[in-house]
Amino acid sequence: MRSLASVIAVALIACGAPPRASSPSREPPAAPFRFHVDFWANLNQVLLHEALVPRPGFAGPKSLGGQHVVRADALSAEETARWQASLAYYDAHFTTRNLFDHFIESMPALLGVGPWPSQRPAATSALDEEWRRSLVDAAPVYQAHFWTDDERTDRAYVERMQPLVLAHAEWFEKRLVAVYGMPLPATPIDVEITPVVPPYGGFTQGEPPYDGPNAALITLSSRDPSYAGDTGVEMLFHEVSHLIVGRVEKALDEAAKRQGTKLPPRLWHDVIFYTAGHVAQERLGAAYIPFAERPSARLFSADDPRLIVLRRAWQPYLDGHTTMESAIDAIAAAPEFSR
């Protein structure tokens, strides 16, 4: 994998530029990340979020606390009918339980497609005609009332994050590759910026060898404060960690089976939270509090068995005092998980 020393500048890709193929008139992007602000991806995420805003008996996305991000009361009667019809499709097809499948299916089909009305997404096996039509029908309403502000917010977010990525990306990349023992993509990672990314504010897809359907893609919210500033640096590399956690995830499963223990569900994700937070603390200073350990995050309380075990068994590995295998065996043997 190439060093980021020669590719540390962050590229902001113009709306509509293809994410995985450079234009003949441009130099290929040389950066750890390629940021994109795409009309159709933004519209898709806004419709998804609005369809999932909590209502009685329904738990909506955690990101942004279920706030509306569009003012539907500004629409005419005809525009309201169009917008509501598209929302009805999302309401009928997506819940907080199937969002991850939604991302994997839809986002690659929407990147690099120019804004309405010059271009429209094509129907594919992942983006069927009814879904595509709901996007196309909502597009003129979104462009007339919401897109200008969303695009401005997205691009301002990228501008704010650029200096932080410039300062920290190479260090984080090397540190996380050393921790997880798996390679990151040799080419820049595509990062799509949208106002909202339900349910949590960010999502990552892709795995080695990072090509075709396995291509790396991160989607981040420009409005969720969890993805801004120094916390945004931690959470960006939290998302990056999803690409390389496979070895740890497999080793945790194997250690639990070997020792006859039952680990908490998705403990590998807790490892990502813990690791991203503590390597961020290494980089940003002792005063930095890992995101998952803040009371406002409501992820790890001080007496959470997962946090206790990770501090005791995983932190020595991060500190270089033991091997990954020994750390994972110690996690699987933790008495806190056998109660």
Protein backbone atom coordinates (compact mmCIF):
# COMPACT_ATOMS: atom_id res chain seq x y z
CA MET A 1 0.00 0.00 0.00
CA ARG A 2 1.42 3.37 -0.91
CA SER A 3 2.38 5.87 1.78
CA LEU A 4 0.13 8.87 2.26
CA ALA A 5 3.18 11.12 2.56
CA SER A 6 3.00 11.82 -1.15
CA VAL A 7 -0.77 11.96 -1.38
CA ILE A 8 -1.90 13.84 1.69
CA ALA A 9 -3.87 16.66 0.03
CA VAL A 10 -7.61 16.03 0.13
CA ALA A 11 -9.51 16.28 -3.15
CA LEU A 12 -12.96 17.80 -3.26
CA ILE A 13 -14.70 16.27 -6.26
CA ALA A 14 -17.23 18.51 -7.97
CA CYS A 15 -20.86 17.44 -7.93
CA GLY A 16 -21.49 14.92 -10.66
CA ALA A 17 -17.86 13.87 -11.14
CA PRO A 18 -17.46 10.09 -11.44
CA PRO A 19 -16.13 8.70 -8.17
CA ARG A 20 -14.03 5.88 -9.56
CA ALA A 21 -12.87 7.12 -12.93
CA SER A 22 -11.03 10.38 -13.61
CA SER A 23 -12.12 12.76 -16.33
CA PRO A 24 -9.70 12.93 -19.30
CA SER A 25 -9.33 16.67 -18.64
CA ARG A 26 -8.27 16.21 -15.00
CA GLU A 27 -5.28 14.84 -13.21
CA PRO A 28 -6.17 11.67 -11.27
CA PRO A 29 -6.90 12.57 -7.65
CA ALA A 30 -3.97 11.91 -5.34
CA ALA A 31 -5.44 11.90 -1.83
CA PRO A 32 -6.33 9.55 1.03
CA PHE A 33 -10.00 10.41 0.45
CA ARG A 34 -12.06 11.65 -2.48
CA PHE A 35 -14.96 13.69 -1.17
CA HIS A 36 -18.13 13.86 -3.23
CA VAL A 37 -21.23 16.03 -2.98
CA ASP A 38 -23.78 14.47 -5.33
CA PHE A 39 -27.33 15.68 -5.95
CA TRP A 40 -28.99 12.26 -6.16
CA ALA A 41 -27.19 10.79 -3.16
CA ASN A 42 -28.22 13.84 -1.11
CA LEU A 43 -31.84 13.56 -2.24
CA ASN A 44 -31.90 9.84 -1.48
CA GLN A 45 -30.58 10.33 2.06
CA VAL A 46 -32.93 13.24 2.79
CA LEU A 47 -35.96 11.23 1.65
CA LEU A 48 -34.80 8.28 3.72
CA HIS A 49 -34.29 10.40 6.82
CA GLU A 50 -37.61 12.21 6.48
CA ALA A 51 -39.47 8.92 6.04
CA LEU A 52 -37.86 7.62 9.24
CA VAL A 53 -38.39 10.62 11.53
CA PRO A 54 -39.96 9.22 14.71
CA ARG A 55 -43.69 9.14 15.15
CA PRO A 56 -45.87 7.40 17.75
CA GLY A 57 -44.94 3.74 17.97
CA PHE A 58 -41.98 4.07 15.60
CA ALA A 59 -38.34 4.60 16.54
CA GLY A 60 -36.56 6.69 13.94
CA PRO A 61 -32.86 7.28 13.25
CA LYS A 62 -30.60 8.18 16.15
CA SER A 63 -28.55 10.64 14.10
CA LEU A 64 -29.73 14.24 14.64
CA GLY A 65 -32.27 13.06 17.17
CA GLY A 66 -34.99 12.57 14.60
CA GLN A 67 -35.07 16.23 13.54
CA HIS A 68 -36.65 17.14 10.22
CA VAL A 69 -34.08 18.52 7.78
CA VAL A 70 -36.51 20.00 5.23
CA ARG A 71 -39.35 22.48 5.63
CA ALA A 72 -42.24 20.83 3.87
CA ASP A 73 -44.51 23.75 4.81
CA ALA A 74 -42.68 25.87 2.24
CA LEU A 75 -44.01 23.75 -0.64
CA SER A 76 -46.97 24.45 -2.89
CA ALA A 77 -49.87 22.02 -2.98
CA GLU A 78 -48.53 20.38 -6.14
CA GLU A 79 -45.00 20.15 -4.73
CA THR A 80 -46.33 18.74 -1.48
CA ALA A 81 -48.15 15.99 -3.39
CA ARG A 82 -44.96 15.10 -5.30
CA TRP A 83 -42.81 15.10 -2.17
CA GLN A 84 -45.27 13.08 -0.11
CA ALA A 85 -45.64 10.48 -2.87
CA SER A 86 -41.89 9.93 -2.90
CA LEU A 87 -41.78 9.80 0.89
CA ALA A 88 -44.52 7.17 0.79
CA TYR A 89 -42.25 4.89 -1.25
CA TYR A 90 -39.44 5.20 1.33
CA ASP A 91 -41.88 4.80 4.20
CA ALA A 92 -43.19 1.56 2.70
CA HIS A 93 -39.82 0.03 1.85
CA PHE A 94 -37.28 1.07 4.49
CA THR A 95 -37.02 0.76 8.25
CA THR A 96 -34.16 1.19 10.69
CA ARG A 97 -33.70 -2.60 10.39
CA ASN A 98 -32.91 -2.74 6.66
CA LEU A 99 -31.00 0.51 6.17
CA PHE A 100 -27.63 -1.16 5.74
CA ASP A 101 -28.94 -3.25 2.85
CA HIS A 102 -30.33 -0.02 1.41
CA PHE A 103 -26.91 1.64 1.48
CA ILE A 104 -25.15 -1.25 -0.19
CA GLU A 105 -27.76 -1.37 -2.92
CA SER A 106 -28.39 2.29 -3.65
CA MET A 107 -25.36 4.46 -3.03
CA PRO A 108 -23.01 3.16 -5.77
CA ALA A 109 -25.82 3.64 -8.31
CA LEU A 110 -26.25 7.30 -7.34
CA LEU A 111 -22.66 8.52 -7.25
CA GLY A 112 -21.32 10.52 -10.15
CA VAL A 113 -24.76 11.11 -11.71
CA GLY A 114 -25.20 14.80 -12.57
CA PRO A 115 -28.02 16.81 -10.98
CA TRP A 116 -31.58 16.95 -12.23
CA PRO A 117 -32.64 17.74 -14.92
CA SER A 118 -29.43 17.24 -16.92
CA GLN A 119 -28.96 13.66 -15.71
CA ARG A 120 -31.04 11.03 -13.99
CA PRO A 121 -30.04 7.75 -12.36
CA ALA A 122 -30.63 4.64 -14.42
CA ALA A 123 -32.72 1.75 -13.19
CA THR A 124 -30.51 -1.19 -12.19
CA SER A 125 -30.90 -4.45 -10.36
CA ALA A 126 -30.06 -2.53 -7.17
CA LEU A 127 -32.11 0.60 -7.95
CA ASP A 128 -35.37 -0.67 -9.39
CA GLU A 129 -37.70 1.42 -11.55
CA GLU A 130 -40.19 2.25 -8.78
CA TRP A 131 -37.38 3.43 -6.51
CA ARG A 132 -35.76 5.40 -9.32
CA ARG A 133 -39.09 7.00 -10.20
CA SER A 134 -39.64 8.15 -6.61
CA LEU A 135 -36.29 9.94 -6.77
CA VAL A 136 -36.97 11.51 -10.16
CA ASP A 137 -40.41 12.71 -9.07
CA ALA A 138 -39.00 14.38 -5.96
CA ALA A 139 -35.99 15.88 -7.76
CA PRO A 140 -37.54 19.16 -9.00
CA VAL A 141 -38.96 19.87 -5.54
CA TYR A 142 -35.64 19.12 -3.87
CA GLN A 143 -33.68 21.23 -6.34
CA ALA A 144 -36.06 24.19 -6.06
CA HIS A 145 -36.22 24.32 -2.27
CA PHE A 146 -33.56 22.28 -0.49
CA TRP A 147 -30.57 21.38 -2.68
CA THR A 148 -28.86 24.78 -2.64
CA ASP A 149 -28.64 24.84 1.17
CA ASP A 150 -27.69 21.17 1.40
CA GLU A 151 -24.93 21.51 -1.18
CA ARG A 152 -23.58 24.60 0.57
CA THR A 153 -23.59 22.81 3.93
CA ASP A 154 -21.92 19.70 2.48
CA ARG A 155 -19.15 21.64 0.79
CA ALA A 156 -18.55 23.80 3.86
CA TYR A 157 -18.18 20.59 5.86
CA VAL A 158 -15.53 19.30 3.48
CA GLU A 159 -13.65 22.60 3.66
CA ARG A 160 -13.64 22.45 7.46
CA MET A 161 -12.46 18.84 7.51
CA GLN A 162 -9.67 19.27 4.96
CA PRO A 163 -7.08 20.75 7.33
CA LEU A 164 -7.79 18.08 9.94
CA VAL A 165 -7.46 15.28 7.41
CA LEU A 166 -4.28 16.92 6.11
CA ALA A 167 -2.82 16.94 9.61
CA HIS A 168 -3.80 13.45 10.74
CA ALA A 169 -4.63 11.05 7.89
CA GLU A 170 -1.20 9.50 7.37
CA TRP A 171 -0.73 8.81 11.08
CA PHE A 172 -4.19 7.28 11.52
CA GLU A 173 -3.81 5.11 8.45
CA LYS A 174 -0.52 3.63 9.58
CA ARG A 175 -1.74 3.14 13.14
CA LEU A 176 -4.97 1.38 12.19
CA VAL A 177 -3.33 -0.87 9.60
CA ALA A 178 -0.86 -1.93 12.29
CA VAL A 179 -3.67 -2.59 14.79
CA TYR A 180 -5.96 -4.58 12.52
CA GLY A 181 -3.34 -6.27 10.34
CA MET A 182 -5.24 -5.74 7.10
CA PRO A 183 -4.55 -3.41 4.16
CA LEU A 184 -6.49 -0.32 3.26
CA PRO A 185 -7.22 0.46 -0.40
CA ALA A 186 -4.21 1.51 -2.46
CA THR A 187 -6.36 4.18 -4.12
CA PRO A 188 -8.24 7.05 -2.42
CA ILE A 189 -11.36 6.08 -0.49
CA ASP A 190 -14.56 7.64 -1.83
CA VAL A 191 -16.48 9.62 0.80
CA GLU A 192 -19.99 10.81 -0.06
CA ILE A 193 -21.18 13.79 2.00
CA THR A 194 -24.93 14.20 2.56
CA PRO A 195 -26.89 16.22 5.14
CA VAL A 196 -28.08 13.11 6.98
CA VAL A 197 -27.06 9.47 7.10
CA PRO A 198 -29.63 7.51 9.09
CA PRO A 199 -29.58 5.90 11.49
CA TYR A 200 -26.18 6.83 12.99
CA GLY A 201 -24.64 9.58 10.90
CA GLY A 202 -22.18 7.48 8.90
CA PHE A 203 -21.94 4.22 6.99
CA THR A 204 -19.12 2.26 5.36
CA GLN A 205 -19.21 -0.45 2.75
CA GLY A 206 -16.44 -2.41 1.04
CA GLU A 207 -13.80 -4.98 1.85
CA PRO A 208 -10.58 -6.33 0.35
CA PRO A 209 -9.80 -6.49 -2.54
CA TYR A 210 -11.77 -3.20 -2.79
CA ASP A 211 -12.90 -3.59 -6.37
CA GLY A 212 -16.26 -4.03 -8.11
CA PRO A 213 -19.00 -4.70 -5.54
CA ASN A 214 -16.34 -4.65 -2.80
CA ALA A 215 -15.22 -1.08 -3.55
CA ALA A 216 -14.72 1.13 -0.51
CA LEU A 217 -17.32 3.84 0.05
CA ILE A 218 -17.99 5.93 3.17
CA THR A 219 -21.09 8.11 3.55
CA LEU A 220 -21.01 10.86 6.20
CA SER A 221 -23.47 13.43 7.51
CA SER A 222 -22.48 17.08 7.14
CA ARG A 223 -24.94 18.12 9.87
CA ASP A 224 -24.36 15.55 12.60
CA PRO A 225 -21.96 17.08 15.16
CA SER A 226 -20.55 13.61 15.86
CA TYR A 227 -18.79 13.85 12.50
CA ALA A 228 -17.34 17.36 12.91
CA GLY A 229 -14.06 18.73 14.25
CA ASP A 230 -11.73 16.45 16.21
CA THR A 231 -14.62 14.09 16.88
CA GLY A 232 -15.15 13.99 13.15
CA VAL A 233 -11.56 12.85 12.71
CA GLU A 234 -12.14 10.00 15.15
CA MET A 235 -15.42 9.03 13.51
CA LEU A 236 -14.05 9.24 9.96
CA PHE A 237 -11.37 6.73 10.96
CA HIS A 238 -13.97 4.73 12.86
CA GLU A 239 -15.66 4.36 9.48
CA VAL A 240 -12.35 3.52 7.80
CA SER A 241 -11.84 0.80 10.43
CA HIS A 242 -14.93 -1.00 9.15
CA LEU A 243 -12.93 -1.82 6.02
CA ILE A 244 -10.20 -3.66 7.93
CA VAL A 245 -11.88 -5.18 11.00
CA GLY A 246 -12.54 -8.54 9.31
CA ARG A 247 -9.55 -10.32 10.81
CA VAL A 248 -10.51 -9.22 14.34
CA GLU A 249 -14.17 -10.13 13.81
CA LYS A 250 -13.23 -13.63 12.65
CA ALA A 251 -10.72 -14.10 15.47
CA LEU A 252 -13.31 -13.11 18.09
CA ASP A 253 -15.77 -15.68 16.73
CA GLU A 254 -13.14 -18.40 16.66
CA ALA A 255 -11.87 -17.64 20.17
CA ALA A 256 -15.39 -17.71 21.58
CA LYS A 257 -16.11 -21.07 19.95
CA ARG A 258 -12.80 -22.49 21.09
CA GLN A 259 -13.40 -21.41 24.69
CA GLY A 260 -17.12 -22.18 24.70
CA THR A 261 -18.14 -18.62 25.61
CA LYS A 262 -20.82 -16.33 24.23
CA LEU A 263 -19.65 -12.81 23.44
CA PRO A 264 -21.97 -9.79 23.31
CA PRO A 265 -23.53 -9.28 19.87
CA ARG A 266 -21.37 -7.31 17.43
CA LEU A 267 -18.48 -7.05 19.88
CA TRP A 268 -16.23 -6.41 16.88
CA HIS A 269 -18.04 -3.08 16.48
CA ASP A 270 -17.35 -2.23 20.10
CA VAL A 271 -13.68 -2.95 19.35
CA ILE A 272 -13.87 -0.42 16.51
CA PHE A 273 -15.42 2.20 18.80
CA TYR A 274 -12.85 1.59 21.51
CA THR A 275 -9.87 1.48 19.15
CA ALA A 276 -10.81 4.56 17.10
CA GLY A 277 -11.41 6.52 20.29
CA HIS A 278 -8.18 5.55 21.98
CA VAL A 279 -5.92 5.95 18.97
CA ALA A 280 -7.58 9.36 18.49
CA GLN A 281 -6.64 10.14 22.09
CA GLU A 282 -3.06 9.07 21.32
CA ARG A 283 -2.97 11.49 18.41
CA LEU A 284 -5.04 14.40 19.70
CA GLY A 285 -3.88 14.41 23.33
CA ALA A 286 -4.88 13.02 26.70
CA ALA A 287 -7.63 15.61 27.11
CA TYR A 288 -9.51 14.15 24.16
CA ILE A 289 -12.37 11.92 25.34
CA PRO A 290 -13.19 8.98 23.04
CA PHE A 291 -16.62 9.45 21.49
CA ALA A 292 -18.12 6.18 22.75
CA GLU A 293 -17.13 6.97 26.34
CA ARG A 294 -18.92 10.32 26.50
CA PRO A 295 -22.20 10.25 28.41
CA SER A 296 -23.89 12.06 25.51
CA ALA A 297 -23.06 9.17 23.17
CA ARG A 298 -24.92 6.64 25.35
CA LEU A 299 -22.67 3.83 24.12
CA PHE A 300 -20.27 2.85 26.93
CA SER A 301 -21.16 3.66 30.53
CA ALA A 302 -18.34 3.56 33.09
CA ASP A 303 -19.51 0.18 34.41
CA ASP A 304 -20.26 -1.35 31.00
CA PRO A 305 -18.75 -4.87 30.95
CA ARG A 306 -17.64 -4.36 27.34
CA LEU A 307 -15.65 -1.27 28.25
CA ILE A 308 -14.16 -2.94 31.33
CA VAL A 309 -13.03 -5.95 29.30
CA LEU A 310 -11.62 -3.89 26.43
CA ARG A 311 -9.63 -1.74 28.82
CA ARG A 312 -8.21 -4.82 30.53
CA ALA A 313 -7.65 -7.09 27.53
CA TRP A 314 -7.48 -4.94 24.37
CA GLN A 315 -5.70 -1.83 25.63
CA PRO A 316 -2.46 -3.76 26.35
CA TYR A 317 -2.46 -4.76 22.69
CA LEU A 318 -2.88 -1.14 21.61
CA ASP A 319 -0.01 -0.26 23.95
CA GLY A 320 2.25 -2.88 22.34
CA HIS A 321 2.45 -5.16 25.37
CA THR A 322 0.80 -8.25 23.88
CA THR A 323 -0.26 -9.79 20.59
CA MET A 324 -3.62 -9.51 18.88
CA GLU A 325 -4.19 -13.23 19.37
CA SER A 326 -3.50 -13.06 23.10
CA ALA A 327 -5.70 -10.00 23.49
CA ILE A 328 -8.59 -11.67 21.70
CA ASP A 329 -8.20 -14.84 23.75
CA ALA A 330 -8.33 -12.69 26.89
CA ILE A 331 -11.51 -10.99 25.67
CA ALA A 332 -13.17 -14.33 24.97
CA ALA A 333 -12.13 -15.63 28.42
CA ALA A 334 -13.44 -12.57 30.26
CA PRO A 335 -15.59 -13.58 33.25
CA GLU A 336 -17.84 -10.59 32.57
CA PHE A 337 -19.07 -12.36 29.44
CA SER A 338 -19.73 -15.71 31.12
CA ARG A 339 -22.25 -14.41 33.66
